[in-house]
C-alpha atoms as a PDB file:
ATOM      1  CA  MET A   1     -20.463  -8.126  -0.818  1.00  0.00           C
ATOM      2  CA  ASP A   2     -18.627  -8.449  -4.115  1.00  0.00           C
ATOM      3  CA  SER A   3     -15.023  -7.879  -3.064  1.00  0.00           C
ATOM      4  CA  THR A   4     -13.781  -7.622  -6.639  1.00  0.00           C
ATOM      5  CA  ALA A   5     -16.187  -4.794  -7.447  1.00  0.00           C
ATOM      6  CA  ALA A   6     -15.385  -3.066  -4.148  1.00  0.00           C
ATOM      7  CA  VAL A   7     -11.658  -3.141  -4.970  1.00  0.00           C
ATOM      8  CA  ALA A   8     -12.238  -1.797  -8.487  1.00  0.00           C
ATOM      9  CA  ASP A   9     -14.386   1.025  -7.080  1.00  0.00           C
ATOM     10  CA  ALA A  10     -11.870   1.882  -4.352  1.00  0.00           C
ATOM     11  CA  PHE A  11      -8.828   1.976  -6.627  1.00  0.00           C
ATOM     12  CA  PRO A  12      -9.475   3.593 -10.018  1.00  0.00           C
ATOM     13  CA  GLU A  13      -5.676   3.604 -10.450  1.00  0.00           C
ATOM     14  CA  LEU A  14      -6.017  -0.064 -11.418  1.00  0.00           C
ATOM     15  CA  ASP A  15      -6.767   1.264 -14.905  1.00  0.00           C
ATOM     16  CA  GLU A  16      -3.145   2.469 -15.098  1.00  0.00           C
ATOM     17  CA  ILE A  17      -1.985  -1.176 -15.215  1.00  0.00           C
ATOM     18  CA  GLU A  18      -1.692  -2.176 -18.871  1.00  0.00           C
ATOM     19  CA  ASP A  19      -1.272  -5.921 -18.288  1.00  0.00           C
ATOM     20  CA  ASP A  20      -4.760  -7.402 -17.800  1.00  0.00           C
ATOM     21  CA  ASP A  21      -3.478 -10.466 -15.905  1.00  0.00           C
ATOM     22  CA  LEU A  22      -1.415  -8.327 -13.534  1.00  0.00           C
ATOM     23  CA  ARG A  23      -4.413  -6.059 -12.880  1.00  0.00           C
ATOM     24  CA  ALA A  24      -6.603  -9.102 -12.156  1.00  0.00           C
ATOM     25  CA  ARG A  25      -4.010 -10.489  -9.724  1.00  0.00           C
ATOM     26  CA  VAL A  26      -3.819  -7.180  -7.823  1.00  0.00           C
ATOM     27  CA  VAL A  27      -7.612  -7.181  -7.520  1.00  0.00           C
ATOM     28  CA  ALA A  28      -7.530 -10.828  -6.405  1.00  0.00           C
ATOM     29  CA  ALA A  29      -4.950 -10.044  -3.715  1.00  0.00           C
ATOM     30  CA  TRP A  30      -7.121  -7.264  -2.293  1.00  0.00           C
ATOM     31  CA  ALA A  31     -10.287  -9.397  -2.576  1.00  0.00           C
ATOM     32  CA  THR A  32      -8.535 -12.165  -0.625  1.00  0.00           C
ATOM     33  CA  ALA A  33      -7.492  -9.760   2.125  1.00  0.00           C
ATOM     34  CA  LEU A  34     -10.992  -8.287   2.389  1.00  0.00           C
ATOM     35  CA  GLU A  35     -12.740 -11.654   2.407  1.00  0.00           C
ATOM     36  CA  GLU A  36     -10.360 -13.236   4.927  1.00  0.00           C
ATOM     37  CA  ASN A  37     -11.028 -10.354   7.305  1.00  0.00           C
ATOM     38  CA  ALA A  38     -14.775 -10.001   6.652  1.00  0.00           C
ATOM     39  CA  VAL A  39     -14.312  -6.378   5.567  1.00  0.00           C
ATOM     40  CA  ASP A  40     -17.580  -5.003   4.225  1.00  0.00           C
ATOM     41  CA  ASP A  41     -16.362  -1.513   3.368  1.00  0.00           C
ATOM     42  CA  VAL A  42     -12.788  -1.187   2.115  1.00  0.00           C
ATOM     43  CA  ALA A  43     -13.158   2.599   1.986  1.00  0.00           C
ATOM     44  CA  ALA A  44     -13.755   2.712   5.765  1.00  0.00           C
ATOM     45  CA  LEU A  45     -10.478   0.997   6.744  1.00  0.00           C
ATOM     46  CA  PRO A  46      -8.267   3.351   8.778  1.00  0.00           C
ATOM     47  CA  TRP A  47      -4.798   4.296   7.535  1.00  0.00           C
ATOM     48  CA  PHE A  48      -2.614   3.392  10.536  1.00  0.00           C
ATOM     49  CA  PRO A  49      -4.392   3.339  13.907  1.00  0.00           C
ATOM     50  CA  PRO A  50      -1.337   3.627  16.207  1.00  0.00           C
ATOM     51  CA  ALA A  51      -0.229   6.865  14.511  1.00  0.00           C
ATOM     52  CA  GLN A  52      -3.816   8.051  14.334  1.00  0.00           C
ATOM     53  CA  ARG A  53      -4.220   7.522  18.082  1.00  0.00           C
ATOM     54  CA  LYS A  54      -0.794   8.958  18.957  1.00  0.00           C
ATOM     55  CA  HIS A  55      -1.244  12.125  16.914  1.00  0.00           C
ATOM     56  CA  ASP A  56      -5.050  12.439  17.094  1.00  0.00           C
ATOM     57  CA  ILE A  57      -5.353  12.078  13.326  1.00  0.00           C
ATOM     58  CA  THR A  58      -8.916  11.514  12.179  1.00  0.00           C
ATOM     59  CA  GLY A  59     -10.477  10.653   8.861  1.00  0.00           C
ATOM     60  CA  GLU A  60      -7.404   9.116   7.239  1.00  0.00           C
ATOM     61  CA  THR A  61      -8.132   5.890   5.379  1.00  0.00           C
ATOM     62  CA  LEU A  62      -6.044   3.078   4.007  1.00  0.00           C
ATOM     63  CA  VAL A  63      -7.576   3.549   0.560  1.00  0.00           C
ATOM     64  CA  GLY A  64      -6.721   7.261   0.563  1.00  0.00           C
ATOM     65  CA  HIS A  65      -3.142   6.524   1.599  1.00  0.00           C
ATOM     66  CA  VAL A  66      -2.665   3.768  -0.988  1.00  0.00           C
ATOM     67  CA  ARG A  67      -4.046   6.012  -3.712  1.00  0.00           C
ATOM     68  CA  ASP A  68      -1.631   8.782  -2.612  1.00  0.00           C
ATOM     69  CA  VAL A  69       1.259   6.312  -2.824  1.00  0.00           C
ATOM     70  CA  VAL A  70       0.220   5.187  -6.312  1.00  0.00           C
ATOM     71  CA  ARG A  71      -0.031   8.776  -7.563  1.00  0.00           C
ATOM     72  CA  GLY A  72       3.240   9.762  -5.883  1.00  0.00           C
ATOM     73  CA  SER A  73       5.003   6.696  -7.264  1.00  0.00           C
ATOM     74  CA  LEU A  74       3.792   7.426 -10.784  1.00  0.00           C
ATOM     75  CA  ALA A  75       4.767  11.086 -10.566  1.00  0.00           C
ATOM     76  CA  LEU A  76       8.261  10.180  -9.376  1.00  0.00           C
ATOM     77  CA  ALA A  77       8.680   7.395 -11.936  1.00  0.00           C
ATOM     78  CA  ASP A  78       7.479   9.570 -14.815  1.00  0.00           C
ATOM     79  CA  SER A  79       9.612  12.514 -13.723  1.00  0.00           C
ATOM     80  CA  LEU A  80      12.771  10.406 -13.517  1.00  0.00           C
ATOM     81  CA  ALA A  81      12.007   8.701 -16.817  1.00  0.00           C
ATOM     82  CA  ASP A  82      11.585  12.115 -18.481  1.00  0.00           C
ATOM     83  CA  SER A  83      14.497  13.944 -16.863  1.00  0.00           C
ATOM     84  CA  ARG A  84      17.055  11.147 -16.512  1.00  0.00           C
ATOM     85  CA  GLY A  85      15.886   8.569 -19.002  1.00  0.00           C
ATOM     86  CA  ALA A  86      15.317   6.092 -16.170  1.00  0.00           C
ATOM     87  CA  ASP A  87      14.005   2.743 -17.349  1.00  0.00           C
ATOM     88  CA  VAL A  88      10.931   2.267 -15.161  1.00  0.00           C
ATOM     89  CA  ASP A  89       8.390  -0.539 -15.381  1.00  0.00           C
ATOM     90  CA  ARG A  90       5.192   1.486 -14.868  1.00  0.00           C
ATOM     91  CA  ASP A  91       3.017  -1.610 -14.401  1.00  0.00           C
ATOM     92  CA  LEU A  92       5.336  -2.801 -11.642  1.00  0.00           C
ATOM     93  CA  VAL A  93       5.263   0.624  -9.978  1.00  0.00           C
ATOM     94  CA  VAL A  94       1.464   0.915 -10.043  1.00  0.00           C
ATOM     95  CA  ALA A  95       0.710  -2.674  -9.029  1.00  0.00           C
ATOM     96  CA  ALA A  96       3.351  -2.690  -6.273  1.00  0.00           C
ATOM     97  CA  ALA A  97       2.116   0.634  -4.904  1.00  0.00           C
ATOM     98  CA  LEU A  98      -1.425  -0.740  -4.868  1.00  0.00           C
ATOM     99  CA  VAL A  99      -0.440  -3.756  -2.744  1.00  0.00           C
ATOM    100  CA  HIS A 100       2.301  -2.221  -0.593  1.00  0.00           C
ATOM    101  CA  ASP A 101       0.046  -1.871   2.509  1.00  0.00           C
ATOM    102  CA  ILE A 102      -2.354  -4.751   1.855  1.00  0.00           C
ATOM    103  CA  GLY A 103      -1.223  -6.416   5.093  1.00  0.00           C
ATOM    104  CA  LYS A 104      -2.865  -3.627   7.107  1.00  0.00           C
ATOM    105  CA  VAL A 105      -6.196  -5.302   6.394  1.00  0.00           C
ATOM    106  CA  TYR A 106      -4.958  -8.124   8.648  1.00  0.00           C
ATOM    107  CA  GLU A 107      -3.109  -5.925  11.134  1.00  0.00           C
ATOM    108  CA  PHE A 108      -6.077  -3.925  12.430  1.00  0.00           C
ATOM    109  CA  ASP A 109      -9.738  -4.643  13.042  1.00  0.00           C
ATOM    110  CA  GLY A 110     -10.950  -1.098  12.667  1.00  0.00           C
ATOM    111  CA  HIS A 111      -8.797   0.801  15.159  1.00  0.00           C
ATOM    112  CA  ASP A 112      -8.059  -2.275  17.289  1.00  0.00           C
ATOM    113  CA  ASP A 113      -4.819  -4.210  16.928  1.00  0.00           C
ATOM    114  CA  THR A 114      -5.044  -7.863  15.921  1.00  0.00           C
ATOM    115  CA  ALA A 115      -2.652 -10.722  16.647  1.00  0.00           C
ATOM    116  CA  VAL A 116      -1.177 -10.128  13.180  1.00  0.00           C
ATOM    117  CA  GLY A 117      -0.515  -6.517  14.154  1.00  0.00           C
ATOM    118  CA  ARG A 118       0.949  -7.386  17.533  1.00  0.00           C
ATOM    119  CA  LEU A 119       2.987 -10.422  16.522  1.00  0.00           C
ATOM    120  CA  VAL A 120       3.765 -10.248  12.805  1.00  0.00           C
ATOM    121  CA  GLY A 121       3.154  -6.830  11.259  1.00  0.00           C
ATOM    122  CA  HIS A 122       1.607  -5.726   8.000  1.00  0.00           C
ATOM    123  CA  PRO A 123       4.706  -5.875   5.797  1.00  0.00           C
ATOM    124  CA  TYR A 124       5.335  -9.512   6.687  1.00  0.00           C
ATOM    125  CA  TYR A 125       1.719 -10.641   6.571  1.00  0.00           C
ATOM    126  CA  GLY A 126       1.070  -8.683   3.384  1.00  0.00           C
ATOM    127  CA  VAL A 127       3.142 -11.245   1.525  1.00  0.00           C
ATOM    128  CA  HIS A 128       0.324 -13.778   2.079  1.00  0.00           C
ATOM    129  CA  PRO A 129      -2.428 -12.244  -0.120  1.00  0.00           C
ATOM    130  CA  VAL A 130       0.168 -11.171  -2.704  1.00  0.00           C
ATOM    131  CA  ALA A 131       1.460 -14.749  -3.014  1.00  0.00           C
ATOM    132  CA  ALA A 132      -2.058 -16.215  -2.870  1.00  0.00           C
ATOM    133  CA  ALA A 133      -2.989 -14.108  -5.899  1.00  0.00           C
ATOM    134  CA  GLY A 134      -0.018 -15.468  -7.823  1.00  0.00           C
ATOM    135  CA  LEU A 135       1.822 -12.166  -8.060  1.00  0.00           C
ATOM    136  CA  PRO A 136       5.554 -12.557  -8.779  1.00  0.00           C
ATOM    137  CA  ALA A 137       8.105 -12.300  -5.961  1.00  0.00           C
ATOM    138  CA  ALA A 138       8.937  -8.689  -6.920  1.00  0.00           C
ATOM    139  CA  TYR A 139       5.589  -7.599  -5.467  1.00  0.00           C
ATOM    140  CA  ALA A 140       6.165  -9.416  -2.179  1.00  0.00           C
ATOM    141  CA  HIS A 141       9.585  -7.751  -2.102  1.00  0.00           C
ATOM    142  CA  VAL A 142       7.987  -4.294  -2.345  1.00  0.00           C
ATOM    143  CA  VAL A 143       5.556  -5.191   0.449  1.00  0.00           C
ATOM    144  CA  LEU A 144       8.529  -6.147   2.629  1.00  0.00           C
ATOM    145  CA  SER A 145      10.876  -3.323   1.634  1.00  0.00           C
ATOM    146  CA  HIS A 146       8.497  -0.349   1.642  1.00  0.00           C
ATOM    147  CA  THR A 147       8.940   0.270   5.374  1.00  0.00           C
ATOM    148  CA  ASP A 148      11.658   0.428   7.989  1.00  0.00           C
ATOM    149  CA  ARG A 149       9.631  -2.086  10.047  1.00  0.00           C
ATOM    150  CA  THR A 150      11.624  -4.811   8.244  1.00  0.00           C
ATOM    151  CA  PRO A 151      15.342  -5.154   7.519  1.00  0.00           C
ATOM    152  CA  VAL A 152      14.598  -5.699   3.815  1.00  0.00           C
ATOM    153  CA  GLU A 153      16.017  -2.933   1.631  1.00  0.00           C
ATOM    154  CA  PRO A 154      14.623  -2.193  -1.845  1.00  0.00           C
ATOM    155  CA  ALA A 155      16.505  -4.325  -4.378  1.00  0.00           C
ATOM    156  CA  PHE A 156      15.359  -2.602  -7.571  1.00  0.00           C
ATOM    157  CA  PHE A 157      14.468   0.891  -8.710  1.00  0.00           C
ATOM    158  CA  GLU A 158      10.672   0.484  -8.683  1.00  0.00           C
ATOM    159  CA  ALA A 159      10.822  -0.695  -5.049  1.00  0.00           C
ATOM    160  CA  VAL A 160      12.780   2.446  -4.127  1.00  0.00           C
ATOM    161  CA  ILE A 161      10.163   4.589  -5.851  1.00  0.00           C
ATOM    162  CA  VAL A 162       7.286   2.996  -3.904  1.00  0.00           C
ATOM    163  CA  LYS A 163       9.186   3.249  -0.598  1.00  0.00           C
ATOM    164  CA  ARG A 164       9.895   6.972  -1.098  1.00  0.00           C
ATOM    165  CA  ALA A 165       6.331   7.707  -2.218  1.00  0.00           C
ATOM    166  CA  ASP A 166       5.008   5.865   0.852  1.00  0.00           C
ATOM    167  CA  GLU A 167       7.281   7.879   3.145  1.00  0.00           C
ATOM    168  CA  ALA A 168       6.124  11.159   1.580  1.00  0.00           C
ATOM    169  CA  ALA A 169       2.445  10.174   1.716  1.00  0.00           C
ATOM    170  CA  ALA A 170       2.727   9.159   5.382  1.00  0.00           C
ATOM    171  CA  ALA A 171       4.565  12.407   6.183  1.00  0.00           C
ATOM    172  CA  ALA A 172       1.793  14.376   4.498  1.00  0.00           C
ATOM    173  CA  ILE A 173      -0.767  12.686   6.753  1.00  0.00           C
ATOM    174  CA  ARG A 174       1.281  13.342   9.879  1.00  0.00           C
ATOM    175  CA  ALA A 175       1.824  16.960   8.788  1.00  0.00           C
ATOM    176  CA  THR A 176      -1.907  17.554   9.133  1.00  0.00           C
ATOM    177  CA  ALA A 177      -1.591  16.940  12.891  1.00  0.00           C
ATOM    178  CA  LEU A 178       1.915  18.082  13.689  1.00  0.00           C
ATOM    179  CA  ASP A 179       3.697  21.391  13.394  1.00  0.00           C
ATOM    180  CA  ASP A 180       7.098  19.740  13.187  1.00  0.00           C
ATOM    181  CA  LEU A 181       7.558  16.373  11.487  1.00  0.00           C
ATOM    182  CA  ARG A 182      10.686  15.738  13.560  1.00  0.00           C
ATOM    183  CA  ASP A 183       8.214  14.872  16.368  1.00  0.00           C
ATOM    184  CA  ALA A 184       6.627  12.109  14.283  1.00  0.00           C
END
């Protein structure tokens, strides 16, 4: 399996990253995660097995969720740049959104929890492939701050954008199985 090609096929949003080196590092981070976990089909990885089991959600994939977060992040960033003149680093938004859940590759083996999932968690372990690929600390920060599973709060605007897009994308998935999101 050529992990690099699999990542490029799974995430066409990579083309939104203007900086060639940054794009290559995002691909390298994903390739590392896939290779270290012997993942043959990135498109088959489940989104979040505990929620999928709890709410009987089927067919949701990690790739689909990450792509939703990238598109949501870009829409929010572009809207705020247009309406409020917000200074947004689009490359940072896209690349950070692409790696925000990379640790889930380590957290679950299909729908089964791993030691990483039980003992560490995807936001903490996701820092590993991001750092291994040589991505700057800002990307590890987004991995850590995108979820309430850590005490790390977003420290810059692009991190807030990715966190909010992730929350909305996850709520959209849960909404397919629940009548009232307050039960999520």
